[in-house]
Amino acid sequence: MRHIKYWVLLASLVLVACSDEKGNSDLQGSKAQQASSCTIIYGWESRKPYQFYENKRMQGIDIDIIQQANEQTGCKLEFVQKSWAELLDAIEKGSIDLIGGATPTDERKAFADFSVPYREEAWALFISADSRFNGDNLNQFLSHGNKVGTSTGYYYGEEVDNLMNHPQYSSSFVGSTTNEASFFNVEYGRVDGVLVDPIEGRYIIKRKGLSAKMKESKIVLPADSVTYMFSKKSTKQDKLAQIKAAVEQLVANNKPQEIITKYQ
């Protein structure tokens, strides 16, 4: 009788253990399935030191900040590379959830929401190393018949926007898909200068070996605040709201500035 009770007890323990193991396994599998189905699509263009792919991973100021903010959602970040103009179109259509380094404008607010500003972005004019221009005014540069390379879809502030829409100067701006392309357009004589964030411009010159061909002019436009841009057509509005709140908290704790310092 004792032997029978022993084996009944043992069988019960085995069944409980198996049931618990299966229950835990099912729970873990459910969590894994939920995590894998939760993906936030981040659109990016290559802009050192803000966002770039190197050493088999995404990195940069904008990337480091958004990765910290996304920890609140528990979702995976998927990175999709496109030109800036293509990214804006994808945000409008909802095929991409968010992008970084964006300036809020009335036109963009029609199809996108924005985080709080998380860094400042200025614009400087880089010109050919043998250029004799020594002024500090963009209007003056254009009045000499010079052409300026820009990145299609960028917002450079009110001053540049007014010049771009001015009948006399609208044809003086030549758009390219990337800032690097604009730098080579200077070398090839297609444009006479490039408007670009000064930190990024110095990176391009150093990385592409253009120090003997390009230089930074005295023209510097006022800094403007940039934000993360969220698609209004995204199906993940609850997750994007979490990211937006997390960015605000990071800014309140001065985390973006700590990240910026790391890349300087």
Protein backbone atom coordinates (compact mmCIF):
# COMPACT_ATOMS: atom_id res chain seq x y z
CA MET A 1 0.00 0.00 0.00
CA ARG A 2 2.84 2.37 0.86
CA HIS A 3 4.39 1.65 -2.54
CA ILE A 4 1.14 2.49 -4.32
CA LYS A 5 0.78 5.80 -2.42
CA TYR A 6 4.39 6.65 -3.21
CA TRP A 7 3.92 6.13 -6.94
CA VAL A 8 0.62 8.06 -6.99
CA LEU A 9 2.31 10.98 -5.21
CA LEU A 10 5.28 10.90 -7.58
CA ALA A 11 3.02 10.84 -10.63
CA SER A 12 1.10 13.83 -9.28
CA LEU A 13 4.29 15.82 -8.77
CA VAL A 14 5.44 15.03 -12.31
CA LEU A 15 2.08 16.17 -13.73
CA VAL A 16 2.21 19.42 -11.76
CA ALA A 17 5.79 20.08 -12.86
CA CYS A 18 4.93 19.40 -16.49
CA SER A 19 1.84 21.57 -16.23
CA ASP A 20 3.85 24.43 -14.67
CA GLU A 21 6.63 24.09 -17.23
CA LYS A 22 4.12 24.13 -20.06
CA GLY A 23 2.31 27.09 -18.50
CA ASN A 24 5.54 29.08 -18.19
CA SER A 25 6.56 28.09 -21.69
CA ASP A 26 3.22 29.19 -23.10
CA LEU A 27 3.48 32.51 -21.20
CA GLN A 28 7.03 33.14 -22.43
CA GLY A 29 6.03 32.21 -25.96
CA SER A 30 3.09 34.59 -25.78
CA LYS A 31 5.34 37.43 -24.54
CA ALA A 32 7.90 36.71 -27.24
CA GLN A 33 5.20 36.68 -29.90
CA GLN A 34 3.79 39.96 -28.56
CA ALA A 35 7.24 41.60 -28.55
CA SER A 36 8.05 40.44 -32.05
CA SER A 37 4.73 41.81 -33.35
CA CYS A 38 5.42 45.23 -31.77
CA THR A 39 7.74 47.06 -34.15
CA ILE A 40 8.29 50.81 -34.47
CA ILE A 41 9.61 51.85 -37.90
CA TYR A 42 12.15 54.67 -37.69
CA GLY A 43 13.09 56.35 -40.97
CA TRP A 44 16.58 57.74 -41.35
CA GLU A 45 19.04 59.30 -43.77
CA SER A 46 22.79 59.11 -43.26
CA ARG A 47 23.93 62.23 -41.38
CA LYS A 48 27.00 61.97 -39.20
CA PRO A 49 27.10 62.50 -36.26
CA TYR A 50 23.30 62.46 -35.96
CA GLN A 51 22.37 59.12 -37.51
CA PHE A 52 24.48 56.61 -39.37
CA TYR A 53 25.21 52.89 -39.73
CA GLU A 54 28.71 51.82 -38.76
CA ASN A 55 30.32 48.72 -37.26
CA LYS A 56 27.15 46.76 -38.03
CA ARG A 57 24.88 48.92 -35.89
CA MET A 58 22.86 52.13 -35.97
CA GLN A 59 24.33 54.99 -33.98
CA GLY A 60 24.47 58.76 -33.67
CA ILE A 61 22.95 61.48 -31.50
CA ASP A 62 19.39 61.12 -32.81
CA ILE A 63 19.60 57.31 -32.70
CA ASP A 64 20.92 57.12 -29.14
CA ILE A 65 18.15 59.40 -27.88
CA ILE A 66 15.32 57.56 -29.64
CA GLN A 67 16.62 54.18 -28.50
CA GLN A 68 16.46 55.34 -24.89
CA ALA A 69 12.97 56.78 -25.40
CA ASN A 70 11.75 53.59 -27.08
CA GLU A 71 12.67 51.49 -24.04
CA GLN A 72 9.37 52.64 -22.52
CA THR A 73 7.35 50.85 -25.23
CA GLY A 74 9.03 47.44 -25.14
CA CYS A 75 8.85 47.46 -28.94
CA LYS A 76 11.61 46.68 -31.41
CA LEU A 77 12.98 49.56 -33.49
CA GLU A 78 13.26 48.83 -37.20
CA PHE A 79 15.40 51.25 -39.23
CA VAL A 80 14.51 52.14 -42.82
CA GLN A 81 16.89 54.33 -44.84
CA LYS A 82 15.57 56.80 -47.43
CA SER A 83 16.27 60.31 -48.69
CA TRP A 84 14.75 63.12 -46.63
CA ALA A 85 12.09 63.86 -49.24
CA GLU A 86 11.13 60.17 -49.30
CA LEU A 87 11.00 60.08 -45.49
CA LEU A 88 8.57 63.00 -45.37
CA ASP A 89 6.38 61.27 -47.95
CA ALA A 90 6.47 58.02 -45.95
CA ILE A 91 5.51 59.86 -42.74
CA GLU A 92 2.57 61.46 -44.54
CA LYS A 93 1.41 58.07 -45.87
CA GLY A 94 2.00 56.26 -42.56
CA SER A 95 4.42 53.66 -43.93
CA ILE A 96 7.04 54.98 -41.46
CA ASP A 97 6.17 55.75 -37.83
CA LEU A 98 8.71 58.45 -36.96
CA ILE A 99 11.86 60.30 -37.99
CA GLY A 100 14.34 62.52 -36.15
CA GLY A 101 15.92 65.92 -36.75
CA ALA A 102 12.69 67.52 -37.95
CA THR A 103 11.56 71.13 -37.63
CA PRO A 104 7.81 71.62 -37.06
CA THR A 105 6.14 73.68 -39.79
CA ASP A 106 2.47 74.41 -40.52
CA GLU A 107 2.67 72.27 -43.65
CA ARG A 108 4.09 69.29 -41.75
CA LYS A 109 1.63 69.63 -38.87
CA ALA A 110 -1.14 68.67 -41.29
CA PHE A 111 0.14 65.08 -41.39
CA ALA A 112 2.49 64.74 -38.40
CA ASP A 113 2.84 65.31 -34.67
CA PHE A 114 6.06 66.38 -32.95
CA SER A 115 7.97 65.75 -29.75
CA VAL A 116 9.41 68.54 -27.63
CA PRO A 117 12.65 69.97 -29.10
CA TYR A 118 15.63 67.84 -28.09
CA ARG A 119 18.54 69.68 -29.73
CA GLU A 120 19.44 72.80 -31.70
CA GLU A 121 20.47 72.78 -35.36
CA ALA A 122 22.19 75.67 -37.13
CA TRP A 123 23.11 76.12 -40.79
CA ALA A 124 26.42 77.21 -42.26
CA LEU A 125 27.53 77.80 -45.82
CA PHE A 126 30.50 75.75 -47.02
CA ILE A 127 32.20 77.00 -50.19
CA SER A 128 35.03 76.09 -52.52
CA ALA A 129 38.47 76.47 -50.96
CA ASP A 130 39.57 78.82 -53.77
CA SER A 131 36.48 81.06 -53.48
CA ARG A 132 37.24 84.73 -52.82
CA PHE A 133 33.91 85.42 -51.15
CA ASN A 134 34.47 86.73 -47.64
CA GLY A 135 31.04 88.04 -46.63
CA ASP A 136 28.69 86.88 -43.91
CA ASN A 137 25.35 87.38 -45.66
CA LEU A 138 23.59 84.73 -47.77
CA ASN A 139 21.65 87.34 -49.75
CA GLN A 140 24.98 88.92 -50.72
CA PHE A 141 26.38 85.54 -51.76
CA LEU A 142 23.39 84.92 -54.03
CA SER A 143 23.49 88.45 -55.47
CA HIS A 144 26.92 87.64 -56.94
CA GLY A 145 25.29 84.99 -59.10
CA ASN A 146 26.31 82.07 -56.87
CA LYS A 147 24.23 78.90 -56.53
CA VAL A 148 23.63 77.08 -53.26
CA GLY A 149 23.27 73.33 -52.80
CA THR A 150 20.53 72.18 -50.44
CA SER A 151 18.98 68.88 -49.44
CA THR A 152 15.52 68.40 -50.95
CA GLY A 153 12.72 68.67 -48.39
CA TYR A 154 14.82 70.37 -45.68
CA TYR A 155 13.50 73.42 -43.86
CA TYR A 156 16.33 75.94 -43.39
CA GLY A 157 14.41 78.60 -41.51
CA GLU A 158 12.38 81.63 -42.49
CA GLU A 159 15.26 83.63 -44.02
CA VAL A 160 16.24 80.88 -46.46
CA ASP A 161 12.61 79.97 -47.12
CA ASN A 162 11.92 83.55 -48.22
CA LEU A 163 14.96 83.52 -50.51
CA MET A 164 13.94 80.18 -52.01
CA ASN A 165 10.54 81.67 -52.88
CA HIS A 166 11.94 84.97 -54.13
CA PRO A 167 11.59 85.41 -57.93
CA GLN A 168 15.19 86.61 -58.20
CA TYR A 169 16.79 83.80 -56.20
CA SER A 170 14.51 80.75 -56.44
CA SER A 171 16.59 79.25 -59.28
CA SER A 172 19.80 79.80 -57.24
CA PHE A 173 19.01 76.86 -54.96
CA VAL A 174 19.84 73.40 -56.27
CA GLY A 175 18.39 70.44 -54.37
CA SER A 176 20.12 67.08 -53.91
CA THR A 177 19.08 63.86 -52.20
CA THR A 178 21.90 64.12 -49.63
CA ASN A 179 24.25 66.77 -48.23
CA GLU A 180 27.24 64.75 -49.39
CA ALA A 181 25.95 64.98 -52.97
CA SER A 182 25.81 68.78 -52.61
CA PHE A 183 29.45 68.87 -51.50
CA PHE A 184 30.52 67.01 -54.62
CA ASN A 185 28.35 69.37 -56.71
CA VAL A 186 30.63 72.17 -55.49
CA GLU A 187 33.67 70.20 -56.60
CA TYR A 188 32.09 69.59 -60.01
CA GLY A 189 31.13 73.25 -60.41
CA ARG A 190 27.36 72.71 -60.36
CA VAL A 191 26.90 74.89 -57.26
CA ASP A 192 29.12 77.39 -55.42
CA GLY A 193 28.26 76.54 -51.82
CA VAL A 194 26.36 74.12 -49.59
CA LEU A 195 24.00 74.93 -46.72
CA VAL A 196 24.45 72.29 -44.05
CA ASP A 197 24.62 71.85 -40.30
CA PRO A 198 28.22 72.93 -39.43
CA ILE A 199 28.94 69.81 -37.37
CA GLU A 200 27.77 67.58 -40.19
CA GLY A 201 29.65 69.65 -42.78
CA ARG A 202 32.94 69.24 -40.95
CA TYR A 203 32.30 65.50 -40.69
CA ILE A 204 31.73 65.24 -44.45
CA ILE A 205 34.88 67.19 -45.29
CA LYS A 206 36.98 65.05 -42.99
CA ARG A 207 35.47 61.72 -44.01
CA LYS A 208 35.54 62.41 -47.75
CA GLY A 209 38.99 64.00 -47.77
CA LEU A 210 37.73 67.38 -49.02
CA SER A 211 39.76 69.64 -46.72
CA ALA A 212 41.84 70.93 -49.65
CA LYS A 213 38.75 71.62 -51.75
CA MET A 214 36.15 72.98 -49.32
CA LYS A 215 36.07 75.50 -46.49
CA GLU A 216 33.55 76.94 -44.04
CA SER A 217 32.43 80.48 -44.88
CA LYS A 218 31.44 83.24 -42.46
CA ILE A 219 27.74 82.74 -43.27
CA VAL A 220 25.98 81.14 -40.30
CA LEU A 221 22.20 81.15 -39.95
CA PRO A 222 20.45 81.21 -36.56
CA ALA A 223 20.00 77.90 -34.77
CA ASP A 224 16.57 76.30 -34.74
CA SER A 225 15.14 73.59 -32.50
CA VAL A 226 14.53 70.15 -33.97
CA THR A 227 12.18 67.40 -32.84
CA TYR A 228 11.06 63.86 -33.59
CA MET A 229 8.24 63.73 -36.13
CA PHE A 230 5.43 61.15 -35.73
CA SER A 231 3.07 60.04 -38.49
CA LYS A 232 -0.61 60.77 -37.83
CA LYS A 233 -1.47 57.74 -39.99
CA SER A 234 0.60 55.31 -37.92
CA THR A 235 -1.39 52.44 -36.43
CA LYS A 236 0.73 52.60 -33.25
CA GLN A 237 -0.43 55.91 -31.78
CA ASP A 238 -0.37 54.57 -28.21
CA LYS A 239 3.29 53.54 -28.56
CA LEU A 240 4.22 56.83 -30.23
CA ALA A 241 2.57 58.70 -27.36
CA GLN A 242 4.81 56.75 -24.96
CA ILE A 243 7.90 57.67 -26.97
CA LYS A 244 6.84 61.33 -27.08
CA ALA A 245 6.43 61.38 -23.29
CA ALA A 246 9.77 59.61 -22.83
CA VAL A 247 11.58 62.17 -25.03
CA GLU A 248 10.10 64.95 -22.91
CA GLN A 249 11.39 63.24 -19.76
CA LEU A 250 14.86 62.75 -21.27
CA VAL A 251 15.01 66.44 -22.19
CA ALA A 252 13.90 67.41 -18.67
CA ASN A 253 16.80 65.35 -17.30
CA ASN A 254 19.29 66.86 -19.80
CA LYS A 255 20.05 63.42 -21.31
CA PRO A 256 20.24 64.64 -24.95
CA GLN A 257 23.00 67.10 -24.05
CA GLU A 258 24.98 64.27 -22.42
CA ILE A 259 24.69 62.27 -25.64
CA ILE A 260 25.65 65.27 -27.82
CA THR A 261 28.77 65.81 -25.70
CA LYS A 262 29.80 62.20 -26.29
CA TYR A 263 29.95 62.79 -30.06
CA GLN A 264 31.82 66.10 -29.95
